[in-house]
């Protein structure tokens, strides 16, 4: 993504009123009306199309998908979209200039958190353009005056509120901290936008990879970060009641629970449902990728119906 905070969104001409309004949410600053209230208005308009032909273009499939993604964000928090602590790339404050620049080149990140003695002791955040200024004079490099104050957030903050905060403060990254002040994860504004419009790639991104690849033999190679809900959307119910109560979120988390330790490469684990998982890649801290085999005769089981507050009030 561009680092320019004034980046423009796609042209709005020819779009329906709800869609134009949605784009407007991301272009307006300093507004008094809350983001949630704005979205509620858009949803009402989307549900009541213009009666007279020619008044407004009807919502196309992409616009409907965009609005539905925004609606889905109402129940999503920073904890749901953050990069977990184990995957955070951060820079020690004492890192020499050449090593600091090499780290940012290697990781293809324009911004990194900077810590003092450990990740929980954050000194600030650094932007790659601040390093570039010292390419001709690395001996003069001192990272401390270049550090920017990071945005610290709770894991429970709704994504919509976080997006609004980041836009208003023109910040592209936030650190998620727990109740004890420890770093839980990291969220970028790109992550938030991608939850609405889909994956965003630029010239620095690796080639697009999918989290779910079917092999010729019928097995699947899976990124361990694949959300369990996506697995169940395709296969039907997989988790046991106990696993569902444990709020397991990723396939890697499910396999970790089965093994009760971080499994080594080529370790095979079989779930109660019959699904078989072979570890393709893992390090000492977490699982990276898996190969899953679905047993013959697998039948899609309906997902459990989640009870809502409205259900409770009606009972």
C-alpha atoms as a PDB file:
ATOM      1  CA  UNK A   1       0.000   0.000   0.000  1.00  0.00           C
ATOM      2  CA  UNK A   2       1.114   3.545  -0.504  1.00  0.00           C
ATOM      3  CA  UNK A   3       2.357   5.412   2.544  1.00  0.00           C
ATOM      4  CA  UNK A   4       0.458   8.526   1.516  1.00  0.00           C
ATOM      5  CA  UNK A   5      -2.357   9.008   4.001  1.00  0.00           C
ATOM      6  CA  UNK A   6      -4.261  10.949   1.348  1.00  0.00           C
ATOM      7  CA  UNK A   7      -4.477   8.002  -1.049  1.00  0.00           C
ATOM      8  CA  UNK A   8      -7.706   8.171  -3.016  1.00  0.00           C
ATOM      9  CA  UNK A   9     -10.131   5.334  -3.270  1.00  0.00           C
ATOM     10  CA  UNK A  10     -11.481   4.119  -6.631  1.00  0.00           C
ATOM     11  CA  UNK A  11     -13.753   6.339  -8.659  1.00  0.00           C
ATOM     12  CA  UNK A  12     -17.314   6.451  -7.388  1.00  0.00           C
ATOM     13  CA  UNK A  13     -19.112   7.471 -10.572  1.00  0.00           C
ATOM     14  CA  UNK A  14     -21.912   5.154 -11.582  1.00  0.00           C
ATOM     15  CA  UNK A  15     -22.177   3.604  -8.141  1.00  0.00           C
ATOM     16  CA  UNK A  16     -25.321   3.419  -6.055  1.00  0.00           C
ATOM     17  CA  UNK A  17     -25.991   5.820  -3.202  1.00  0.00           C
ATOM     18  CA  UNK A  18     -25.096   3.294  -0.438  1.00  0.00           C
ATOM     19  CA  UNK A  19     -21.869   2.416  -2.217  1.00  0.00           C
ATOM     20  CA  UNK A  20     -20.901   6.066  -2.697  1.00  0.00           C
ATOM     21  CA  UNK A  21     -21.652   6.673   0.944  1.00  0.00           C
ATOM     22  CA  UNK A  22     -19.454   3.772   1.952  1.00  0.00           C
ATOM     23  CA  UNK A  23     -16.513   5.153   0.006  1.00  0.00           C
ATOM     24  CA  UNK A  24     -17.208   8.512   1.629  1.00  0.00           C
ATOM     25  CA  UNK A  25     -16.721   7.053   5.090  1.00  0.00           C
ATOM     26  CA  UNK A  26     -13.067   6.504   4.326  1.00  0.00           C
ATOM     27  CA  UNK A  27     -12.487   9.897   2.726  1.00  0.00           C
ATOM     28  CA  UNK A  28     -14.079  12.100   5.407  1.00  0.00           C
ATOM     29  CA  UNK A  29     -12.176  13.220   8.477  1.00  0.00           C
ATOM     30  CA  UNK A  30     -13.184  15.022  11.633  1.00  0.00           C
ATOM     31  CA  UNK A  31     -16.792  13.992  11.217  1.00  0.00           C
ATOM     32  CA  UNK A  32     -19.198  14.193  14.135  1.00  0.00           C
ATOM     33  CA  UNK A  33     -21.406  11.321  13.069  1.00  0.00           C
ATOM     34  CA  UNK A  34     -20.166   7.979  14.394  1.00  0.00           C
ATOM     35  CA  UNK A  35     -18.966   5.356  11.975  1.00  0.00           C
ATOM     36  CA  UNK A  36     -21.521   2.826  13.177  1.00  0.00           C
ATOM     37  CA  UNK A  37     -24.384   5.288  12.682  1.00  0.00           C
ATOM     38  CA  UNK A  38     -23.136   6.071   9.176  1.00  0.00           C
ATOM     39  CA  UNK A  39     -23.035   2.407   8.258  1.00  0.00           C
ATOM     40  CA  UNK A  40     -26.517   1.857   9.690  1.00  0.00           C
ATOM     41  CA  UNK A  41     -27.813   4.591   7.381  1.00  0.00           C
ATOM     42  CA  UNK A  42     -26.124   2.979   4.389  1.00  0.00           C
ATOM     43  CA  UNK A  43     -27.620  -0.398   5.225  1.00  0.00           C
ATOM     44  CA  UNK A  44     -31.116   1.091   5.407  1.00  0.00           C
ATOM     45  CA  UNK A  45     -30.609   2.679   1.988  1.00  0.00           C
ATOM     46  CA  UNK A  46     -29.312  -0.601   0.588  1.00  0.00           C
ATOM     47  CA  UNK A  47     -32.448  -2.335   1.777  1.00  0.00           C
ATOM     48  CA  UNK A  48     -34.763   0.241   0.192  1.00  0.00           C
ATOM     49  CA  UNK A  49     -33.723   0.730  -3.451  1.00  0.00           C
ATOM     50  CA  UNK A  50     -35.119   3.646  -5.381  1.00  0.00           C
ATOM     51  CA  UNK A  51     -38.602   2.947  -6.674  1.00  0.00           C
ATOM     52  CA  UNK A  52     -38.374   5.087  -9.781  1.00  0.00           C
ATOM     53  CA  UNK A  53     -36.258   3.778 -12.595  1.00  0.00           C
ATOM     54  CA  UNK A  54     -33.208   5.902 -13.189  1.00  0.00           C
ATOM     55  CA  UNK A  55     -33.157   7.463  -9.704  1.00  0.00           C
ATOM     56  CA  UNK A  56     -30.118   5.479  -8.554  1.00  0.00           C
ATOM     57  CA  UNK A  57     -28.131   2.575  -9.982  1.00  0.00           C
ATOM     58  CA  UNK A  58     -28.964  -0.695  -8.272  1.00  0.00           C
ATOM     59  CA  UNK A  59     -26.352  -2.363  -6.106  1.00  0.00           C
ATOM     60  CA  UNK A  60     -24.169  -4.690  -8.145  1.00  0.00           C
ATOM     61  CA  UNK A  61     -22.675  -7.887  -6.727  1.00  0.00           C
ATOM     62  CA  UNK A  62     -19.391  -6.255  -5.758  1.00  0.00           C
ATOM     63  CA  UNK A  63     -21.148  -3.435  -3.949  1.00  0.00           C
ATOM     64  CA  UNK A  64     -23.369  -5.858  -2.058  1.00  0.00           C
ATOM     65  CA  UNK A  65     -20.327  -7.912  -1.061  1.00  0.00           C
ATOM     66  CA  UNK A  66     -18.580  -4.748   0.098  1.00  0.00           C
ATOM     67  CA  UNK A  67     -21.501  -3.688   2.282  1.00  0.00           C
ATOM     68  CA  UNK A  68     -21.915  -7.206   3.689  1.00  0.00           C
ATOM     69  CA  UNK A  69     -18.231  -7.229   4.627  1.00  0.00           C
ATOM     70  CA  UNK A  70     -18.725  -3.960   6.497  1.00  0.00           C
ATOM     71  CA  UNK A  71     -21.748  -5.405   8.301  1.00  0.00           C
ATOM     72  CA  UNK A  72     -19.667  -8.397   9.316  1.00  0.00           C
ATOM     73  CA  UNK A  73     -17.145  -6.056  10.915  1.00  0.00           C
ATOM     74  CA  UNK A  74     -19.692  -5.066  13.557  1.00  0.00           C
ATOM     75  CA  UNK A  75     -18.901  -8.242  15.478  1.00  0.00           C
ATOM     76  CA  UNK A  76     -15.151  -8.398  14.768  1.00  0.00           C
ATOM     77  CA  UNK A  77     -12.530  -7.116  17.205  1.00  0.00           C
ATOM     78  CA  UNK A  78      -8.820  -6.395  16.958  1.00  0.00           C
ATOM     79  CA  UNK A  79      -8.162  -9.814  18.459  1.00  0.00           C
ATOM     80  CA  UNK A  80      -9.791 -11.416  15.406  1.00  0.00           C
ATOM     81  CA  UNK A  81      -7.622  -9.688  12.795  1.00  0.00           C
ATOM     82  CA  UNK A  82      -4.308  -9.043  14.552  1.00  0.00           C
ATOM     83  CA  UNK A  83      -0.973 -10.575  13.624  1.00  0.00           C
ATOM     84  CA  UNK A  84      -0.203 -12.794  16.635  1.00  0.00           C
ATOM     85  CA  UNK A  85       2.754 -11.994  18.880  1.00  0.00           C
ATOM     86  CA  UNK A  86       4.759 -14.967  17.581  1.00  0.00           C
ATOM     87  CA  UNK A  87       4.619 -13.545  14.027  1.00  0.00           C
ATOM     88  CA  UNK A  88       5.473  -9.917  14.841  1.00  0.00           C
ATOM     89  CA  UNK A  89       8.636  -8.624  13.197  1.00  0.00           C
ATOM     90  CA  UNK A  90      10.214  -5.996  15.444  1.00  0.00           C
ATOM     91  CA  UNK A  91      13.550  -4.214  15.666  1.00  0.00           C
ATOM     92  CA  UNK A  92      15.785  -3.876  18.748  1.00  0.00           C
ATOM     93  CA  UNK A  93      16.551  -0.248  19.543  1.00  0.00           C
ATOM     94  CA  UNK A  94      20.313  -0.915  19.585  1.00  0.00           C
ATOM     95  CA  UNK A  95      20.414  -2.457  16.104  1.00  0.00           C
ATOM     96  CA  UNK A  96      23.125  -0.850  13.916  1.00  0.00           C
ATOM     97  CA  UNK A  97      22.000   1.088  10.854  1.00  0.00           C
ATOM     98  CA  UNK A  98      23.021  -1.449   8.200  1.00  0.00           C
ATOM     99  CA  UNK A  99      21.342  -4.321  10.069  1.00  0.00           C
ATOM    100  CA  UNK A 100      18.201  -2.242  10.618  1.00  0.00           C
ATOM    101  CA  UNK A 101      17.954  -1.413   6.913  1.00  0.00           C
ATOM    102  CA  UNK A 102      18.637  -5.040   5.948  1.00  0.00           C
ATOM    103  CA  UNK A 103      15.853  -6.193   8.279  1.00  0.00           C
ATOM    104  CA  UNK A 104      13.298  -3.904   6.656  1.00  0.00           C
ATOM    105  CA  UNK A 105      14.413  -4.929   3.166  1.00  0.00           C
ATOM    106  CA  UNK A 106      14.274  -8.622   4.027  1.00  0.00           C
ATOM    107  CA  UNK A 107      10.837  -8.450   5.631  1.00  0.00           C
ATOM    108  CA  UNK A 108       9.384  -6.024   3.035  1.00  0.00           C
ATOM    109  CA  UNK A 109       7.849  -3.836   5.739  1.00  0.00           C
ATOM    110  CA  UNK A 110       7.786  -0.049   5.603  1.00  0.00           C
ATOM    111  CA  UNK A 111       7.157   0.241   9.359  1.00  0.00           C
ATOM    112  CA  UNK A 112       8.366  -1.797  12.318  1.00  0.00           C
ATOM    113  CA  UNK A 113       7.904  -1.648  16.088  1.00  0.00           C
ATOM    114  CA  UNK A 114      11.132  -0.894  17.962  1.00  0.00           C
ATOM    115  CA  UNK A 115      11.747  -2.389  21.406  1.00  0.00           C
ATOM    116  CA  UNK A 116      14.353  -1.856  24.122  1.00  0.00           C
ATOM    117  CA  UNK A 117      15.173  -5.082  25.983  1.00  0.00           C
ATOM    118  CA  UNK A 118      12.165  -7.177  24.976  1.00  0.00           C
ATOM    119  CA  UNK A 119       9.057  -6.915  22.827  1.00  0.00           C
ATOM    120  CA  UNK A 120       6.891  -5.849  25.770  1.00  0.00           C
ATOM    121  CA  UNK A 121       9.152  -2.795  26.271  1.00  0.00           C
ATOM    122  CA  UNK A 122       8.218  -0.847  23.148  1.00  0.00           C
ATOM    123  CA  UNK A 123      10.282   2.272  22.445  1.00  0.00           C
ATOM    124  CA  UNK A 124       8.273   3.366  19.424  1.00  0.00           C
ATOM    125  CA  UNK A 125       7.880   2.722  15.710  1.00  0.00           C
ATOM    126  CA  UNK A 126      10.238   3.452  12.812  1.00  0.00           C
ATOM    127  CA  UNK A 127       9.473   4.184   9.159  1.00  0.00           C
ATOM    128  CA  UNK A 128      11.826   3.052   6.406  1.00  0.00           C
ATOM    129  CA  UNK A 129      11.994   6.545   4.903  1.00  0.00           C
ATOM    130  CA  UNK A 130      13.586   7.746   8.161  1.00  0.00           C
ATOM    131  CA  UNK A 131      16.366   5.192   7.642  1.00  0.00           C
ATOM    132  CA  UNK A 132      16.902   6.096   3.984  1.00  0.00           C
ATOM    133  CA  UNK A 133      18.028   9.575   5.050  1.00  0.00           C
ATOM    134  CA  UNK A 134      21.121   8.005   6.655  1.00  0.00           C
ATOM    135  CA  UNK A 135      22.217   5.802   3.743  1.00  0.00           C
ATOM    136  CA  UNK A 136      25.108   8.152   2.946  1.00  0.00           C
ATOM    137  CA  UNK A 137      26.056   8.716   6.579  1.00  0.00           C
ATOM    138  CA  UNK A 138      25.329   5.569   8.652  1.00  0.00           C
ATOM    139  CA  UNK A 139      27.680   6.659  11.455  1.00  0.00           C
ATOM    140  CA  UNK A 140      25.352   9.576  12.260  1.00  0.00           C
ATOM    141  CA  UNK A 141      22.365   7.242  12.668  1.00  0.00           C
ATOM    142  CA  UNK A 142      20.544   7.497  15.993  1.00  0.00           C
ATOM    143  CA  UNK A 143      17.187   5.745  16.043  1.00  0.00           C
ATOM    144  CA  UNK A 144      15.801   7.351  19.198  1.00  0.00           C
ATOM    145  CA  UNK A 145      14.811  10.784  17.820  1.00  0.00           C
ATOM    146  CA  UNK A 146      13.228   9.067  14.798  1.00  0.00           C
ATOM    147  CA  UNK A 147      10.811   6.928  16.791  1.00  0.00           C
ATOM    148  CA  UNK A 148       7.093   7.639  16.532  1.00  0.00           C
ATOM    149  CA  UNK A 149       4.564   7.098  19.292  1.00  0.00           C
ATOM    150  CA  UNK A 150       2.674   3.852  18.634  1.00  0.00           C
ATOM    151  CA  UNK A 151      -1.077   3.399  18.988  1.00  0.00           C
ATOM    152  CA  UNK A 152      -1.790   0.966  21.826  1.00  0.00           C
ATOM    153  CA  UNK A 153      -5.170  -0.783  21.805  1.00  0.00           C
ATOM    154  CA  UNK A 154      -7.078  -3.425  23.730  1.00  0.00           C
ATOM    155  CA  UNK A 155      -7.828  -6.724  21.963  1.00  0.00           C
ATOM    156  CA  UNK A 156     -11.553  -6.137  22.480  1.00  0.00           C
ATOM    157  CA  UNK A 157     -11.794  -2.887  20.509  1.00  0.00           C
ATOM    158  CA  UNK A 158     -14.231  -3.268  17.593  1.00  0.00           C
ATOM    159  CA  UNK A 159     -12.515  -3.153  14.217  1.00  0.00           C
ATOM    160  CA  UNK A 160     -14.777  -0.322  13.038  1.00  0.00           C
ATOM    161  CA  UNK A 161     -13.764   1.838  15.994  1.00  0.00           C
ATOM    162  CA  UNK A 162     -10.102   1.005  15.432  1.00  0.00           C
ATOM    163  CA  UNK A 163     -10.327   1.906  11.755  1.00  0.00           C
ATOM    164  CA  UNK A 164     -11.845   5.263  12.667  1.00  0.00           C
ATOM    165  CA  UNK A 165      -9.111   5.944  15.253  1.00  0.00           C
ATOM    166  CA  UNK A 166      -6.341   5.100  12.824  1.00  0.00           C
ATOM    167  CA  UNK A 167      -7.819   7.285  10.089  1.00  0.00           C
ATOM    168  CA  UNK A 168      -8.327  10.237  12.437  1.00  0.00           C
ATOM    169  CA  UNK A 169      -4.809   9.991  13.884  1.00  0.00           C
ATOM    170  CA  UNK A 170      -3.267   9.113  10.492  1.00  0.00           C
ATOM    171  CA  UNK A 171      -1.603   6.021  11.931  1.00  0.00           C
ATOM    172  CA  UNK A 172      -1.024   2.863   9.931  1.00  0.00           C
ATOM    173  CA  UNK A 173      -0.187   0.442  12.726  1.00  0.00           C
ATOM    174  CA  UNK A 174      -1.460  -0.398  16.207  1.00  0.00           C
ATOM    175  CA  UNK A 175      -0.097  -2.692  18.906  1.00  0.00           C
ATOM    176  CA  UNK A 176      -2.547  -4.894  20.790  1.00  0.00           C
ATOM    177  CA  UNK A 177      -1.821  -5.150  24.514  1.00  0.00           C
ATOM    178  CA  UNK A 178      -3.397  -7.351  27.159  1.00  0.00           C
ATOM    179  CA  UNK A 179      -4.571  -6.363  30.633  1.00  0.00           C
ATOM    180  CA  UNK A 180      -1.039  -6.760  32.005  1.00  0.00           C
ATOM    181  CA  UNK A 181       0.562  -4.512  29.398  1.00  0.00           C
ATOM    182  CA  UNK A 182       2.138  -7.325  27.382  1.00  0.00           C
ATOM    183  CA  UNK A 183       2.113  -7.234  23.582  1.00  0.00           C
ATOM    184  CA  UNK A 184      -0.546  -9.591  22.209  1.00  0.00           C
ATOM    185  CA  UNK A 185      -0.389  -8.736  18.535  1.00  0.00           C
ATOM    186  CA  UNK A 186      -0.203  -6.095  15.834  1.00  0.00           C
ATOM    187  CA  UNK A 187      -2.800  -4.635  13.458  1.00  0.00           C
ATOM    188  CA  UNK A 188      -2.122  -2.588  10.337  1.00  0.00           C
ATOM    189  CA  UNK A 189      -4.611  -0.385   8.549  1.00  0.00           C
ATOM    190  CA  UNK A 190      -4.044  -2.575   5.488  1.00  0.00           C
ATOM    191  CA  UNK A 191      -5.334  -5.560   7.485  1.00  0.00           C
ATOM    192  CA  UNK A 192      -8.494  -3.617   8.326  1.00  0.00           C
ATOM    193  CA  UNK A 193      -9.133  -2.440   4.776  1.00  0.00           C
ATOM    194  CA  UNK A 194      -8.558  -5.967   3.459  1.00  0.00           C
ATOM    195  CA  UNK A 195     -11.358  -7.277   5.670  1.00  0.00           C
ATOM    196  CA  UNK A 196     -13.690  -5.002   3.673  1.00  0.00           C
ATOM    197  CA  UNK A 197     -12.382  -4.991   0.115  1.00  0.00           C
ATOM    198  CA  UNK A 198     -10.326  -8.200   0.031  1.00  0.00           C
ATOM    199  CA  UNK A 199      -6.591  -8.750  -0.183  1.00  0.00           C
ATOM    200  CA  UNK A 200      -4.484  -5.758  -1.168  1.00  0.00           C
ATOM    201  CA  UNK A 201      -1.136  -6.487  -2.792  1.00  0.00           C
ATOM    202  CA  UNK A 202       1.602  -4.201  -4.011  1.00  0.00           C
ATOM    203  CA  UNK A 203       4.924  -4.535  -5.794  1.00  0.00           C
ATOM    204  CA  UNK A 204       6.646  -5.588  -2.568  1.00  0.00           C
ATOM    205  CA  UNK A 205       4.293  -8.430  -1.697  1.00  0.00           C
ATOM    206  CA  UNK A 206       5.193 -12.064  -2.249  1.00  0.00           C
ATOM    207  CA  UNK A 207       3.283 -13.869  -5.023  1.00  0.00           C
ATOM    208  CA  UNK A 208      -0.289 -14.484  -3.968  1.00  0.00           C
ATOM    209  CA  UNK A 209      -0.696 -17.763  -2.111  1.00  0.00           C
ATOM    210  CA  UNK A 210      -3.853 -19.428  -0.956  1.00  0.00           C
ATOM    211  CA  UNK A 211      -4.409 -20.840   2.501  1.00  0.00           C
ATOM    212  CA  UNK A 212      -6.123 -23.923   1.092  1.00  0.00           C
ATOM    213  CA  UNK A 213      -4.682 -25.887  -1.873  1.00  0.00           C
ATOM    214  CA  UNK A 214      -6.180 -29.166  -3.086  1.00  0.00           C
ATOM    215  CA  UNK A 215      -3.667 -31.782  -4.234  1.00  0.00           C
ATOM    216  CA  UNK A 216      -4.147 -34.372  -7.014  1.00  0.00           C
ATOM    217  CA  UNK A 217      -4.520 -37.167  -4.447  1.00  0.00           C
ATOM    218  CA  UNK A 218      -7.452 -35.390  -2.782  1.00  0.00           C
ATOM    219  CA  UNK A 219      -5.524 -34.145   0.244  1.00  0.00           C
ATOM    220  CA  UNK A 220      -5.186 -30.447   1.082  1.00  0.00           C
ATOM    221  CA  UNK A 221      -2.169 -28.310   1.917  1.00  0.00           C
ATOM    222  CA  UNK A 222      -3.298 -25.768   4.476  1.00  0.00           C
ATOM    223  CA  UNK A 223      -1.781 -22.670   6.032  1.00  0.00           C
ATOM    224  CA  UNK A 224      -1.974 -23.232   9.790  1.00  0.00           C
ATOM    225  CA  UNK A 225      -3.496 -19.752  10.134  1.00  0.00           C
ATOM    226  CA  UNK A 226      -6.594 -20.828   8.195  1.00  0.00           C
ATOM    227  CA  UNK A 227      -9.607 -19.914  10.360  1.00  0.00           C
ATOM    228  CA  UNK A 228     -11.559 -22.933  11.573  1.00  0.00           C
ATOM    229  CA  UNK A 229     -14.759 -21.214  10.440  1.00  0.00           C
ATOM    230  CA  UNK A 230     -13.505 -21.342   6.834  1.00  0.00           C
ATOM    231  CA  UNK A 231     -12.641 -25.014   7.207  1.00  0.00           C
ATOM    232  CA  UNK A 232     -16.138 -25.699   8.530  1.00  0.00           C
ATOM    233  CA  UNK A 233     -17.784 -23.611   5.824  1.00  0.00           C
ATOM    234  CA  UNK A 234     -16.335 -26.093   3.341  1.00  0.00           C
ATOM    235  CA  UNK A 235     -16.464 -29.378   5.256  1.00  0.00           C
ATOM    236  CA  UNK A 236     -19.315 -28.830   7.689  1.00  0.00           C
ATOM    237  CA  UNK A 237     -19.001 -29.115  11.467  1.00  0.00           C
ATOM    238  CA  UNK A 238     -15.582 -30.362  12.591  1.00  0.00           C
ATOM    239  CA  UNK A 239     -14.995 -29.145  16.148  1.00  0.00           C
ATOM    240  CA  UNK A 240     -16.237 -31.079  19.150  1.00  0.00           C
ATOM    241  CA  UNK A 241     -18.324 -29.267  21.757  1.00  0.00           C
ATOM    242  CA  UNK A 242     -15.274 -28.997  24.028  1.00  0.00           C
ATOM    243  CA  UNK A 243     -13.148 -27.542  21.233  1.00  0.00           C
ATOM    244  CA  UNK A 244     -15.865 -25.049  20.376  1.00  0.00           C
ATOM    245  CA  UNK A 245     -16.100 -23.963  24.005  1.00  0.00           C
ATOM    246  CA  UNK A 246     -12.309 -23.517  24.012  1.00  0.00           C
ATOM    247  CA  UNK A 247     -12.788 -20.968  21.191  1.00  0.00           C
ATOM    248  CA  UNK A 248     -10.202 -22.504  18.878  1.00  0.00           C
ATOM    249  CA  UNK A 249      -9.810 -20.058  15.994  1.00  0.00           C
ATOM    250  CA  UNK A 250      -7.292 -21.574  13.549  1.00  0.00           C
ATOM    251  CA  UNK A 251      -6.527 -25.005  12.138  1.00  0.00           C
ATOM    252  CA  UNK A 252      -3.051 -24.693  13.627  1.00  0.00           C
ATOM    253  CA  UNK A 253      -4.638 -24.074  17.012  1.00  0.00           C
ATOM    254  CA  UNK A 254      -6.772 -27.180  16.571  1.00  0.00           C
ATOM    255  CA  UNK A 255      -3.722 -29.327  15.781  1.00  0.00           C
ATOM    256  CA  UNK A 256      -1.827 -27.803  18.698  1.00  0.00           C
ATOM    257  CA  UNK A 257      -4.677 -28.806  21.000  1.00  0.00           C
ATOM    258  CA  UNK A 258      -4.633 -32.347  19.602  1.00  0.00           C
ATOM    259  CA  UNK A 259      -0.883 -32.705  20.132  1.00  0.00           C
ATOM    260  CA  UNK A 260      -0.785 -30.794  23.444  1.00  0.00           C
ATOM    261  CA  UNK A 261       2.605 -29.445  22.305  1.00  0.00           C
ATOM    262  CA  UNK A 262       4.054 -27.778  19.214  1.00  0.00           C
ATOM    263  CA  UNK A 263       4.313 -30.789  16.878  1.00  0.00           C
ATOM    264  CA  UNK A 264       7.437 -31.424  14.827  1.00  0.00           C
ATOM    265  CA  UNK A 265       7.619 -31.683  11.045  1.00  0.00           C
ATOM    266  CA  UNK A 266       6.038 -34.891   9.680  1.00  0.00           C
ATOM    267  CA  UNK A 267       4.175 -35.560  12.932  1.00  0.00           C
ATOM    268  CA  UNK A 268       0.696 -36.926  12.151  1.00  0.00           C
ATOM    269  CA  UNK A 269      -2.382 -36.304  14.280  1.00  0.00           C
ATOM    270  CA  UNK A 270      -5.912 -37.574  13.772  1.00  0.00           C
ATOM    271  CA  UNK A 271      -8.923 -35.598  14.883  1.00  0.00           C
ATOM    272  CA  UNK A 272     -12.010 -37.207  16.414  1.00  0.00           C
ATOM    273  CA  UNK A 273     -13.891 -36.351  13.216  1.00  0.00           C
ATOM    274  CA  UNK A 274     -11.515 -38.521  11.189  1.00  0.00           C
ATOM    275  CA  UNK A 275      -9.548 -35.657   9.642  1.00  0.00           C
ATOM    276  CA  UNK A 276      -5.822 -36.436   9.517  1.00  0.00           C
ATOM    277  CA  UNK A 277      -3.223 -33.679   9.798  1.00  0.00           C
ATOM    278  CA  UNK A 278       0.455 -34.038   8.887  1.00  0.00           C
ATOM    279  CA  UNK A 279       2.750 -31.182   9.907  1.00  0.00           C
ATOM    280  CA  UNK A 280       4.605 -29.845   6.862  1.00  0.00           C
ATOM    281  CA  UNK A 281       6.397 -26.947   8.526  1.00  0.00           C
ATOM    282  CA  UNK A 282       6.799 -25.854  12.134  1.00  0.00           C
ATOM    283  CA  UNK A 283       9.376 -24.232  14.362  1.00  0.00           C
ATOM    284  CA  UNK A 284       9.887 -24.385  18.110  1.00  0.00           C
ATOM    285  CA  UNK A 285       7.057 -21.923  18.744  1.00  0.00           C
ATOM    286  CA  UNK A 286       4.262 -22.514  16.261  1.00  0.00           C
ATOM    287  CA  UNK A 287       2.907 -24.533  13.346  1.00  0.00           C
ATOM    288  CA  UNK A 288       3.191 -23.024   9.865  1.00  0.00           C
ATOM    289  CA  UNK A 289       1.615 -25.441   7.396  1.00  0.00           C
ATOM    290  CA  UNK A 290      -0.252 -28.753   7.352  1.00  0.00           C
ATOM    291  CA  UNK A 291      -1.440 -31.459   4.995  1.00  0.00           C
ATOM    292  CA  UNK A 292      -4.999 -32.579   5.688  1.00  0.00           C
ATOM    293  CA  UNK A 293      -6.670 -35.782   4.533  1.00  0.00           C
ATOM    294  CA  UNK A 294     -10.443 -36.105   4.592  1.00  0.00           C
ATOM    295  CA  UNK A 295     -11.672 -39.658   5.319  1.00  0.00           C
ATOM    296  CA  UNK A 296     -13.656 -41.552   2.699  1.00  0.00           C
ATOM    297  CA  UNK A 297     -17.401 -41.164   3.088  1.00  0.00           C
ATOM    298  CA  UNK A 298     -17.105 -37.787   4.815  1.00  0.00           C
ATOM    299  CA  UNK A 299     -20.519 -36.216   5.292  1.00  0.00           C
ATOM    300  CA  UNK A 300     -21.017 -32.519   5.798  1.00  0.00           C
ATOM    301  CA  UNK A 301     -22.530 -31.991   9.215  1.00  0.00           C
ATOM    302  CA  UNK A 302     -24.551 -28.822   9.822  1.00  0.00           C
ATOM    303  CA  UNK A 303     -22.814 -26.164  11.859  1.00  0.00           C
ATOM    304  CA  UNK A 304     -24.284 -25.471  15.299  1.00  0.00           C
ATOM    305  CA  UNK A 305     -26.668 -22.551  15.485  1.00  0.00           C
ATOM    306  CA  UNK A 306     -25.198 -19.816  17.637  1.00  0.00           C
ATOM    307  CA  UNK A 307     -27.554 -18.442  20.244  1.00  0.00           C
ATOM    308  CA  UNK A 308     -27.992 -14.681  20.089  1.00  0.00           C
ATOM    309  CA  UNK A 309     -29.089 -12.126  22.637  1.00  0.00           C
ATOM    310  CA  UNK A 310     -32.327 -11.784  20.700  1.00  0.00           C
ATOM    311  CA  UNK A 311     -32.907 -15.530  21.151  1.00  0.00           C
ATOM    312  CA  UNK A 312     -32.362 -15.161  24.882  1.00  0.00           C
ATOM    313  CA  UNK A 313     -34.833 -12.290  25.103  1.00  0.00           C
ATOM    314  CA  UNK A 314     -37.417 -14.233  23.131  1.00  0.00           C
ATOM    315  CA  UNK A 315     -37.191 -17.344  25.294  1.00  0.00           C
END
